Amino acid sequence: MIENIVCKISDVAEASSKIVEIKNNSIAIFHINGQFFALENKCPLDGADLGKGFYDGRGENITCPFRGHIYNLKTGKSPFSDGDLKTFEIRIKNGNIVLFL
């Protein structure tokens, strides 16, 4: 896996997201409850940008902004068999968000 510095942690405020492009991959980075998550950005059912989606009150799931499909932030899995999202390993190094592809 290759280490990719994608942005500073200050670029993704708490309870927000940032969409980044790495090697033809659109990836949504989420900052929820002090944790960072990285998921494939496109909803497998309708292609919507999940980085523009909505968080649940517990900070466990993201809801597609187009048709309301739900995906777990940690696993990328849908509780309703709506397809799964690819997740990416994410680490914080020297104030930067680093993804591994």
PDB file of N, CA and C in Angstrom:
ATOM      1  N   MET A   1       0.847  -1.188   0.000  1.00  0.00           N
ATOM      2  CA  MET A   1       0.000   0.000   0.000  1.00  0.00           C
ATOM      3  C   MET A   1       0.887   1.243   0.000  1.00  0.00           C
ATOM      4  N   ILE A   2       0.436   2.241  -0.701  1.00  0.00           N
ATOM      5  CA  ILE A   2       1.196   3.483  -0.812  1.00  0.00           C
ATOM      6  C   ILE A   2       0.570   4.539   0.082  1.00  0.00           C
ATOM      7  N   GLU A   3       1.415   5.236   0.810  1.00  0.00           N
ATOM      8  CA  GLU A   3       0.984   6.310   1.717  1.00  0.00           C
ATOM      9  C   GLU A   3       0.740   7.584   0.912  1.00  0.00           C
ATOM     10  N   ASN A   4      -0.440   8.190   1.110  1.00  0.00           N
ATOM     11  CA  ASN A   4      -0.803   9.412   0.395  1.00  0.00           C
ATOM     12  C   ASN A   4      -1.236  10.478   1.388  1.00  0.00           C
ATOM     13  N   ILE A   5      -0.474  11.548   1.505  1.00  0.00           N
ATOM     14  CA  ILE A   5      -0.892  12.674   2.342  1.00  0.00           C
ATOM     15  C   ILE A   5      -1.942  13.438   1.546  1.00  0.00           C
ATOM     16  N   VAL A   6      -3.161  13.557   2.099  1.00  0.00           N
ATOM     17  CA  VAL A   6      -4.242  14.162   1.326  1.00  0.00           C
ATOM     18  C   VAL A   6      -4.613  15.566   1.774  1.00  0.00           C
ATOM     19  N   CYS A   7      -4.425  15.886   3.052  1.00  0.00           N
ATOM     20  CA  CYS A   7      -4.722  17.229   3.538  1.00  0.00           C
ATOM     21  C   CYS A   7      -4.303  17.330   5.006  1.00  0.00           C
ATOM     22  N   LYS A   8      -4.426  18.497   5.555  1.00  0.00           N
ATOM     23  CA  LYS A   8      -4.174  18.706   6.983  1.00  0.00           C
ATOM     24  C   LYS A   8      -5.442  18.359   7.757  1.00  0.00           C
ATOM     25  N   ILE A   9      -5.288  17.946   9.017  1.00  0.00           N
ATOM     26  CA  ILE A   9      -6.487  17.622   9.801  1.00  0.00           C
ATOM     27  C   ILE A   9      -7.365  18.852   9.981  1.00  0.00           C
ATOM     28  N   SER A  10      -6.763  20.035   9.976  1.00  0.00           N
ATOM     29  CA  SER A  10      -7.541  21.271  10.118  1.00  0.00           C
ATOM     30  C   SER A  10      -8.411  21.560   8.887  1.00  0.00           C
ATOM     31  N   ASP A  11      -8.164  20.857   7.774  1.00  0.00           N
ATOM     32  CA  ASP A  11      -8.972  21.036   6.559  1.00  0.00           C
ATOM     33  C   ASP A  11     -10.331  20.332   6.638  1.00  0.00           C
ATOM     34  N   VAL A  12     -10.500  19.464   7.654  1.00  0.00           N
ATOM     35  CA  VAL A  12     -11.750  18.724   7.799  1.00  0.00           C
ATOM     36  C   VAL A  12     -12.276  18.972   9.217  1.00  0.00           C
ATOM     37  N   ALA A  13     -13.120  19.971   9.346  1.00  0.00           N
ATOM     38  CA  ALA A  13     -13.658  20.345  10.664  1.00  0.00           C
ATOM     39  C   ALA A  13     -14.514  19.217  11.231  1.00  0.00           C
ATOM     40  N   GLU A  14     -14.662  19.219  12.547  1.00  0.00           N
ATOM     41  CA  GLU A  14     -15.529  18.246  13.218  1.00  0.00           C
ATOM     42  C   GLU A  14     -16.930  18.285  12.600  1.00  0.00           C
ATOM     43  N   ALA A  15     -17.528  17.115  12.430  1.00  0.00           N
ATOM     44  CA  ALA A  15     -18.874  16.948  11.855  1.00  0.00           C
ATOM     45  C   ALA A  15     -18.952  17.445  10.411  1.00  0.00           C
ATOM     46  N   SER A  16     -17.844  17.280   9.677  1.00  0.00           N
ATOM     47  CA  SER A  16     -17.854  17.664   8.266  1.00  0.00           C
ATOM     48  C   SER A  16     -17.115  16.612   7.450  1.00  0.00           C
ATOM     49  N   SER A  17     -16.993  16.880   6.164  1.00  0.00           N
ATOM     50  CA  SER A  17     -16.304  15.948   5.271  1.00  0.00           C
ATOM     51  C   SER A  17     -15.530  16.727   4.212  1.00  0.00           C
ATOM     52  N   LYS A  18     -14.665  16.003   3.538  1.00  0.00           N
ATOM     53  CA  LYS A  18     -13.890  16.574   2.434  1.00  0.00           C
ATOM     54  C   LYS A  18     -13.746  15.487   1.382  1.00  0.00           C
ATOM     55  N   ILE A  19     -13.953  15.857   0.136  1.00  0.00           N
ATOM     56  CA  ILE A  19     -13.796  14.913  -0.963  1.00  0.00           C
ATOM     57  C   ILE A  19     -12.429  15.145  -1.595  1.00  0.00           C
ATOM     58  N   VAL A  20     -11.662  14.062  -1.756  1.00  0.00           N
ATOM     59  CA  VAL A  20     -10.336  14.143  -2.372  1.00  0.00           C
ATOM     60  C   VAL A  20     -10.268  13.145  -3.522  1.00  0.00           C
ATOM     61  N   GLU A  21      -9.393  13.418  -4.465  1.00  0.00           N
ATOM     62  CA  GLU A  21      -9.163  12.533  -5.606  1.00  0.00           C
ATOM     63  C   GLU A  21      -7.736  12.013  -5.523  1.00  0.00           C
ATOM     64  N   ILE A  22      -7.597  10.686  -5.515  1.00  0.00           N
ATOM     65  CA  ILE A  22      -6.281  10.061  -5.490  1.00  0.00           C
ATOM     66  C   ILE A  22      -6.272   8.929  -6.503  1.00  0.00           C
ATOM     67  N   LYS A  23      -5.398   9.023  -7.490  1.00  0.00           N
ATOM     68  CA  LYS A  23      -5.228   7.970  -8.488  1.00  0.00           C
ATOM     69  C   LYS A  23      -6.569   7.485  -9.045  1.00  0.00           C
ATOM     70  N   ASN A  24      -7.355   8.398  -9.521  1.00  0.00           N
ATOM     71  CA  ASN A  24      -8.673   8.116 -10.114  1.00  0.00           C
ATOM     72  C   ASN A  24      -9.681   7.552  -9.121  1.00  0.00           C
ATOM     73  N   ASN A  25      -9.439   7.732  -7.836  1.00  0.00           N
ATOM     74  CA  ASN A  25     -10.391   7.329  -6.795  1.00  0.00           C
ATOM     75  C   ASN A  25     -10.955   8.582  -6.138  1.00  0.00           C
ATOM     76  N   SER A  26     -12.274   8.699  -6.115  1.00  0.00           N
ATOM     77  CA  SER A  26     -12.922   9.780  -5.380  1.00  0.00           C
ATOM     78  C   SER A  26     -13.197   9.235  -3.981  1.00  0.00           C
ATOM     79  N   ILE A  27     -12.614   9.891  -2.977  1.00  0.00           N
ATOM     80  CA  ILE A  27     -12.684   9.409  -1.597  1.00  0.00           C
ATOM     81  C   ILE A  27     -13.252  10.504  -0.713  1.00  0.00           C
ATOM     82  N   ALA A  28     -14.198  10.127   0.129  1.00  0.00           N
ATOM     83  CA  ALA A  28     -14.787  11.062   1.096  1.00  0.00           C
ATOM     84  C   ALA A  28     -14.134  10.815   2.452  1.00  0.00           C
ATOM     85  N   ILE A  29     -13.598  11.884   3.026  1.00  0.00           N
ATOM     86  CA  ILE A  29     -13.009  11.821   4.364  1.00  0.00           C
ATOM     87  C   ILE A  29     -13.994  12.475   5.312  1.00  0.00           C
ATOM     88  N   PHE A  30     -14.320  11.776   6.383  1.00  0.00           N
ATOM     89  CA  PHE A  30     -15.288  12.261   7.370  1.00  0.00           C
ATOM     90  C   PHE A  30     -14.596  12.456   8.713  1.00  0.00           C
ATOM     91  N   HIS A  31     -14.965  13.524   9.419  1.00  0.00           N
ATOM     92  CA  HIS A  31     -14.459  13.796  10.766  1.00  0.00           C
ATOM     93  C   HIS A  31     -15.669  13.829  11.689  1.00  0.00           C
ATOM     94  N   ILE A  32     -15.869  12.740  12.420  1.00  0.00           N
ATOM     95  CA  ILE A  32     -17.045  12.577  13.257  1.00  0.00           C
ATOM     96  C   ILE A  32     -16.624  12.162  14.663  1.00  0.00           C
ATOM     97  N   ASN A  33     -17.090  12.891  15.658  1.00  0.00           N
ATOM     98  CA  ASN A  33     -16.797  12.571  17.068  1.00  0.00           C
ATOM     99  C   ASN A  33     -15.307  12.363  17.315  1.00  0.00           C
ATOM    100  N   GLY A  34     -14.489  13.212  16.693  1.00  0.00           N
ATOM    101  CA  GLY A  34     -13.043  13.158  16.904  1.00  0.00           C
ATOM    102  C   GLY A  34     -12.317  12.086  16.118  1.00  0.00           C
ATOM    103  N   GLN A  35     -13.031  11.311  15.326  1.00  0.00           N
ATOM    104  CA  GLN A  35     -12.422  10.255  14.521  1.00  0.00           C
ATOM    105  C   GLN A  35     -12.519  10.598  13.040  1.00  0.00           C
ATOM    106  N   PHE A  36     -11.564  10.067  12.280  1.00  0.00           N
ATOM    107  CA  PHE A  36     -11.559  10.252  10.831  1.00  0.00           C
ATOM    108  C   PHE A  36     -11.846   8.920  10.150  1.00  0.00           C
ATOM    109  N   PHE A  37     -12.642   8.985   9.071  1.00  0.00           N
ATOM    110  CA  PHE A  37     -13.000   7.811   8.292  1.00  0.00           C
ATOM    111  C   PHE A  37     -12.809   8.155   6.818  1.00  0.00           C
ATOM    112  N   ALA A  38     -12.473   7.157   6.013  1.00  0.00           N
ATOM    113  CA  ALA A  38     -12.316   7.365   4.574  1.00  0.00           C
ATOM    114  C   ALA A  38     -13.074   6.278   3.835  1.00  0.00           C
ATOM    115  N   LEU A  39     -13.988   6.713   2.966  1.00  0.00           N
ATOM    116  CA  LEU A  39     -14.834   5.802   2.197  1.00  0.00           C
ATOM    117  C   LEU A  39     -14.836   6.197   0.729  1.00  0.00           C
ATOM    118  N   GLU A  40     -15.094   5.215  -0.097  1.00  0.00           N
ATOM    119  CA  GLU A  40     -15.369   5.486  -1.502  1.00  0.00           C
ATOM    120  C   GLU A  40     -16.468   6.554  -1.546  1.00  0.00           C
ATOM    121  N   ASN A  41     -16.329   7.545  -2.390  1.00  0.00           N
ATOM    122  CA  ASN A  41     -17.245   8.686  -2.377  1.00  0.00           C
ATOM    123  C   ASN A  41     -18.562   8.440  -3.102  1.00  0.00           C
ATOM    124  N   LYS A  42     -18.621   7.523  -4.024  1.00  0.00           N
ATOM    125  CA  LYS A  42     -19.818   7.343  -4.859  1.00  0.00           C
ATOM    126  C   LYS A  42     -20.743   6.270  -4.298  1.00  0.00           C
ATOM    127  N   CYS A  43     -22.008   6.619  -4.133  1.00  0.00           N
ATOM    128  CA  CYS A  43     -23.025   5.656  -3.715  1.00  0.00           C
ATOM    129  C   CYS A  43     -23.126   4.565  -4.786  1.00  0.00           C
ATOM    130  N   PRO A  44     -23.056   3.277  -4.413  1.00  0.00           N
ATOM    131  CA  PRO A  44     -23.110   2.222  -5.423  1.00  0.00           C
ATOM    132  C   PRO A  44     -24.461   2.098  -6.122  1.00  0.00           C
ATOM    133  N   LEU A  45     -25.494   2.688  -5.557  1.00  0.00           N
ATOM    134  CA  LEU A  45     -26.819   2.569  -6.168  1.00  0.00           C
ATOM    135  C   LEU A  45     -27.177   3.721  -7.093  1.00  0.00           C
ATOM    136  N   ASP A  46     -26.748   4.941  -6.755  1.00  0.00           N
ATOM    137  CA  ASP A  46     -27.150   6.068  -7.597  1.00  0.00           C
ATOM    138  C   ASP A  46     -26.009   6.998  -7.986  1.00  0.00           C
ATOM    139  N   GLY A  47     -24.786   6.708  -7.528  1.00  0.00           N
ATOM    140  CA  GLY A  47     -23.624   7.494  -7.915  1.00  0.00           C
ATOM    141  C   GLY A  47     -23.473   8.834  -7.231  1.00  0.00           C
ATOM    142  N   ALA A  48     -24.319   9.128  -6.247  1.00  0.00           N
ATOM    143  CA  ALA A  48     -24.257  10.419  -5.553  1.00  0.00           C
ATOM    144  C   ALA A  48     -22.976  10.536  -4.732  1.00  0.00           C
ATOM    145  N   ASP A  49     -22.531  11.769  -4.510  1.00  0.00           N
ATOM    146  CA  ASP A  49     -21.365  12.036  -3.677  1.00  0.00           C
ATOM    147  C   ASP A  49     -21.731  11.838  -2.206  1.00  0.00           C
ATOM    148  N   LEU A  50     -21.187  10.797  -1.595  1.00  0.00           N
ATOM    149  CA  LEU A  50     -21.474  10.532  -0.185  1.00  0.00           C
ATOM    150  C   LEU A  50     -20.812  11.545   0.740  1.00  0.00           C
ATOM    151  N   GLY A  51     -19.778  12.210   0.245  1.00  0.00           N
ATOM    152  CA  GLY A  51     -19.144  13.265   1.023  1.00  0.00           C
ATOM    153  C   GLY A  51     -20.085  14.432   1.280  1.00  0.00           C
ATOM    154  N   LYS A  52     -21.195  14.479   0.570  1.00  0.00           N
ATOM    155  CA  LYS A  52     -22.208  15.512   0.766  1.00  0.00           C
ATOM    156  C   LYS A  52     -23.421  14.949   1.509  1.00  0.00           C
ATOM    157  N   GLY A  53     -23.249  13.738   2.072  1.00  0.00           N
ATOM    158  CA  GLY A  53     -24.343  13.067   2.759  1.00  0.00           C
ATOM    159  C   GLY A  53     -24.564  13.586   4.167  1.00  0.00           C
ATOM    160  N   PHE A  54     -25.426  12.883   4.890  1.00  0.00           N
ATOM    161  CA  PHE A  54     -25.856  13.292   6.230  1.00  0.00           C
ATOM    162  C   PHE A  54     -25.436  12.243   7.250  1.00  0.00           C
ATOM    163  N   TYR A  55     -25.029  12.693   8.436  1.00  0.00           N
ATOM    164  CA  TYR A  55     -24.618  11.788   9.503  1.00  0.00           C
ATOM    165  C   TYR A  55     -25.805  11.459  10.393  1.00  0.00           C
ATOM    166  N   ASP A  56     -25.771  10.257  10.957  1.00  0.00           N
ATOM    167  CA  ASP A  56     -26.798   9.940  11.949  1.00  0.00           C
ATOM    168  C   ASP A  56     -26.388  10.570  13.286  1.00  0.00           C
ATOM    169  N   GLY A  57     -27.263  10.592  14.236  1.00  0.00           N
ATOM    170  CA  GLY A  57     -26.994  11.213  15.536  1.00  0.00           C
ATOM    171  C   GLY A  57     -25.908  10.537  16.335  1.00  0.00           C
ATOM    172  N   ARG A  58     -25.602   9.274  16.029  1.00  0.00           N
ATOM    173  CA  ARG A  58     -24.571   8.537  16.770  1.00  0.00           C
ATOM    174  C   ARG A  58     -23.199   8.642  16.113  1.00  0.00           C
ATOM    175  N   GLY A  59     -23.134   9.167  14.910  1.00  0.00           N
ATOM    176  CA  GLY A  59     -21.861   9.261  14.207  1.00  0.00           C
ATOM    177  C   GLY A  59     -21.362   7.931  13.686  1.00  0.00           C
ATOM    178  N   GLU A  60     -22.282   7.002  13.418  1.00  0.00           N
ATOM    179  CA  GLU A  60     -21.900   5.677  12.937  1.00  0.00           C
ATOM    180  C   GLU A  60     -22.144   5.490  11.445  1.00  0.00           C
ATOM    181  N   ASN A  61     -23.100   6.239  10.886  1.00  0.00           N
ATOM    182  CA  ASN A  61     -23.511   6.027   9.498  1.00  0.00           C
ATOM    183  C   ASN A  61     -23.562   7.330   8.720  1.00  0.00           C
ATOM    184  N   ILE A  62     -23.429   7.167   7.408  1.00  0.00           N
ATOM    185  CA  ILE A  62     -23.615   8.281   6.484  1.00  0.00           C
ATOM    186  C   ILE A  62     -24.801   7.919   5.586  1.00  0.00           C
ATOM    187  N   THR A  63     -25.652   8.890   5.316  1.00  0.00           N
ATOM    188  CA  THR A  63     -26.819   8.676   4.472  1.00  0.00           C
ATOM    189  C   THR A  63     -26.618   9.394   3.146  1.00  0.00           C
ATOM    190  N   CYS A  64     -26.826   8.687   2.072  1.00  0.00           N
ATOM    191  CA  CYS A  64     -26.688   9.242   0.727  1.00  0.00           C
ATOM    192  C   CYS A  64     -27.626  10.444   0.578  1.00  0.00           C
ATOM    193  N   PRO A  65     -27.135  11.561   0.033  1.00  0.00           N
ATOM    194  CA  PRO A  65     -27.972  12.751  -0.095  1.00  0.00           C
ATOM    195  C   PRO A  65     -29.019  12.647  -1.205  1.00  0.00           C
ATOM    196  N   PHE A  66     -28.908  11.640  -2.054  1.00  0.00           N
ATOM    197  CA  PHE A  66     -29.834  11.546  -3.179  1.00  0.00           C
ATOM    198  C   PHE A  66     -31.072  10.713  -2.856  1.00  0.00           C
ATOM    199  N   ARG A  67     -30.875   9.473  -2.438  1.00  0.00           N
ATOM    200  CA  ARG A  67     -32.029   8.596  -2.178  1.00  0.00           C
ATOM    201  C   ARG A  67     -32.066   8.022  -0.776  1.00  0.00           C
ATOM    202  N   GLY A  68     -31.152   8.423   0.078  1.00  0.00           N
ATOM    203  CA  GLY A  68     -31.216   8.018   1.480  1.00  0.00           C
ATOM    204  C   GLY A  68     -30.637   6.658   1.813  1.00  0.00           C
ATOM    205  N   HIS A  69     -29.788   6.092   0.951  1.00  0.00           N
ATOM    206  CA  HIS A  69     -29.137   4.826   1.271  1.00  0.00           C
ATOM    207  C   HIS A  69     -28.150   5.051   2.412  1.00  0.00           C
ATOM    208  N   ILE A  70     -28.020   4.082   3.304  1.00  0.00           N
ATOM    209  CA  ILE A  70     -27.223   4.241   4.519  1.00  0.00           C
ATOM    210  C   ILE A  70     -26.003   3.318   4.471  1.00  0.00           C
ATOM    211  N   TYR A  71     -24.849   3.854   4.911  1.00  0.00           N
ATOM    212  CA  TYR A  71     -23.605   3.087   4.942  1.00  0.00           C
ATOM    213  C   TYR A  71     -22.874   3.364   6.254  1.00  0.00           C
ATOM    214  N   ASN A  72     -22.266   2.319   6.809  1.00  0.00           N
ATOM    215  CA  ASN A  72     -21.497   2.446   8.042  1.00  0.00           C
ATOM    216  C   ASN A  72     -20.167   3.129   7.751  1.00  0.00           C
ATOM    217  N   LEU A  73     -19.808   4.107   8.568  1.00  0.00           N
ATOM    218  CA  LEU A  73     -18.569   4.852   8.353  1.00  0.00           C
ATOM    219  C   LEU A  73     -17.322   3.991   8.545  1.00  0.00           C
ATOM    220  N   LYS A  74     -17.361   3.030   9.452  1.00  0.00           N
ATOM    221  CA  LYS A  74     -16.187   2.191   9.723  1.00  0.00           C
ATOM    222  C   LYS A  74     -16.019   1.067   8.716  1.00  0.00           C
ATOM    223  N   THR A  75     -17.130   0.436   8.337  1.00  0.00           N
ATOM    224  CA  THR A  75     -17.039  -0.763   7.506  1.00  0.00           C
ATOM    225  C   THR A  75     -17.425  -0.545   6.049  1.00  0.00           C
ATOM    226  N   GLY A  76     -18.179   0.519   5.758  1.00  0.00           N
ATOM    227  CA  GLY A  76     -18.674   0.761   4.410  1.00  0.00           C
ATOM    228  C   GLY A  76     -19.867  -0.102   4.040  1.00  0.00           C
ATOM    229  N   LYS A  77     -20.333  -0.909   4.973  1.00  0.00           N
ATOM    230  CA  LYS A  77     -21.447  -1.828   4.711  1.00  0.00           C
ATOM    231  C   LYS A  77     -22.791  -1.146   4.897  1.00  0.00           C
ATOM    232  N   SER A  78     -23.758  -1.588   4.100  1.00  0.00           N
ATOM    233  CA  SER A  78     -25.122  -1.098   4.205  1.00  0.00           C
ATOM    234  C   SER A  78     -25.933  -2.078   5.058  1.00  0.00           C
ATOM    235  N   PRO A  79     -26.703  -1.586   6.019  1.00  0.00           N
ATOM    236  CA  PRO A  79     -27.542  -2.497   6.808  1.00  0.00           C
ATOM    237  C   PRO A  79     -28.726  -3.040   6.012  1.00  0.00           C
ATOM    238  N   PHE A  80     -28.954  -2.504   4.821  1.00  0.00           N
ATOM    239  CA  PHE A  80     -30.117  -2.901   4.020  1.00  0.00           C
ATOM    240  C   PHE A  80     -29.721  -3.546   2.689  1.00  0.00           C
ATOM    241  N   SER A  81     -28.514  -4.074   2.613  1.00  0.00           N
ATOM    242  CA  SER A  81     -28.034  -4.738   1.389  1.00  0.00           C
ATOM    243  C   SER A  81     -28.082  -3.816   0.180  1.00  0.00           C
ATOM    244  N   ASP A  82     -27.746  -2.536   0.388  1.00  0.00           N
ATOM    245  CA  ASP A  82     -27.711  -1.561  -0.707  1.00  0.00           C
ATOM    246  C   ASP A  82     -26.356  -1.538  -1.404  1.00  0.00           C
ATOM    247  N   GLY A  83     -25.546  -2.545  -1.180  1.00  0.00           N
ATOM    248  CA  GLY A  83     -24.194  -2.570  -1.709  1.00  0.00           C
ATOM    249  C   GLY A  83     -23.237  -2.102  -0.639  1.00  0.00           C
ATOM    250  N   ASP A  84     -21.968  -2.297  -0.862  1.00  0.00           N
ATOM    251  CA  ASP A  84     -20.959  -1.898   0.111  1.00  0.00           C
ATOM    252  C   ASP A  84     -20.007  -0.890  -0.520  1.00  0.00           C
ATOM    253  N   LEU A  85     -19.447  -0.060   0.334  1.00  0.00           N
ATOM    254  CA  LEU A  85     -18.450   0.915  -0.101  1.00  0.00           C
ATOM    255  C   LEU A  85     -17.064   0.423   0.271  1.00  0.00           C
ATOM    256  N   LYS A  86     -16.108   0.753  -0.538  1.00  0.00           N
ATOM    257  CA  LYS A  86     -14.725   0.460  -0.202  1.00  0.00           C
ATOM    258  C   LYS A  86     -14.283   1.435   0.882  1.00  0.00           C
ATOM    259  N   THR A  87     -13.590   0.935   1.888  1.00  0.00           N
ATOM    260  CA  THR A  87     -13.028   1.787   2.929  1.00  0.00           C
ATOM    261  C   THR A  87     -11.519   1.865   2.723  1.00  0.00           C
ATOM    262  N   PHE A  88     -10.917   2.901   3.276  1.00  0.00           N
ATOM    263  CA  PHE A  88      -9.479   3.097   3.130  1.00  0.00           C
ATOM    264  C   PHE A  88      -8.861   3.300   4.502  1.00  0.00           C
ATOM    265  N   GLU A  89      -7.685   2.720   4.681  1.00  0.00           N
ATOM    266  CA  GLU A  89      -6.958   2.926   5.928  1.00  0.00           C
ATOM    267  C   GLU A  89      -6.562   4.393   6.017  1.00  0.00           C
ATOM    268  N   ILE A  90      -6.774   4.972   7.181  1.00  0.00           N
ATOM    269  CA  ILE A  90      -6.486   6.388   7.387  1.00  0.00           C
ATOM    270  C   ILE A  90      -5.684   6.536   8.669  1.00  0.00           C
ATOM    271  N   ARG A  91      -4.682   7.387   8.632  1.00  0.00           N
ATOM    272  CA  ARG A  91      -3.860   7.672   9.817  1.00  0.00           C
ATOM    273  C   ARG A  91      -3.585   9.170   9.877  1.00  0.00           C
ATOM    274  N   ILE A  92      -3.281   9.618  11.065  1.00  0.00           N
ATOM    275  CA  ILE A  92      -2.882  11.006  11.269  1.00  0.00           C
ATOM    276  C   ILE A  92      -1.377  11.009  11.540  1.00  0.00           C
ATOM    277  N   LYS A  93      -0.628  11.787  10.763  1.00  0.00           N
ATOM    278  CA  LYS A  93       0.824  11.896  10.928  1.00  0.00           C
ATOM    279  C   LYS A  93       1.231  13.358  10.828  1.00  0.00           C
ATOM    280  N   ASN A  94       1.834  13.862  11.879  1.00  0.00           N
ATOM    281  CA  ASN A  94       2.355  15.237  11.883  1.00  0.00           C
ATOM    282  C   ASN A  94       1.305  16.254  11.450  1.00  0.00           C
ATOM    283  N   GLY A  95       0.073  16.067  11.907  1.00  0.00           N
ATOM    284  CA  GLY A  95      -0.995  17.015  11.590  1.00  0.00           C
ATOM    285  C   GLY A  95      -1.622  16.835  10.227  1.00  0.00           C
ATOM    286  N   ASN A  96      -1.237  15.770   9.523  1.00  0.00           N
ATOM    287  CA  ASN A  96      -1.774  15.488   8.190  1.00  0.00           C
ATOM    288  C   ASN A  96      -2.643  14.247   8.210  1.00  0.00           C
ATOM    289  N   ILE A  97      -3.608  14.204   7.308  1.00  0.00           N
ATOM    290  CA  ILE A  97      -4.417  13.006   7.101  1.00  0.00           C
ATOM    291  C   ILE A  97      -3.731  12.203   5.994  1.00  0.00           C
ATOM    292  N   VAL A  98      -3.430  10.954   6.304  1.00  0.00           N
ATOM    293  CA  VAL A  98      -2.726  10.076   5.375  1.00  0.00           C
ATOM    294  C   VAL A  98      -3.628   8.898   5.049  1.00  0.00           C
ATOM    295  N   LEU A  99      -3.802   8.629   3.756  1.00  0.00           N
ATOM    296  CA  LEU A  99      -4.566   7.474   3.293  1.00  0.00           C
ATOM    297  C   LEU A  99      -3.628   6.476   2.670  1.00  0.00           C
ATOM    298  N   PHE A 100      -4.015   5.217   2.751  1.00  0.00           N
ATOM    299  CA  PHE A 100      -3.212   4.134   2.163  1.00  0.00           C
ATOM    300  C   PHE A 100      -4.025   3.458   1.069  1.00  0.00           C
ATOM    301  N   LEU A 101      -3.468   3.467  -0.145  1.00  0.00           N
ATOM    302  CA  LEU A 101      -4.124   2.827  -1.300  1.00  0.00           C
ATOM    303  C   LEU A 101      -3.245   1.720  -1.826  1.00  0.00           C
TER     304      LEU A 101
END
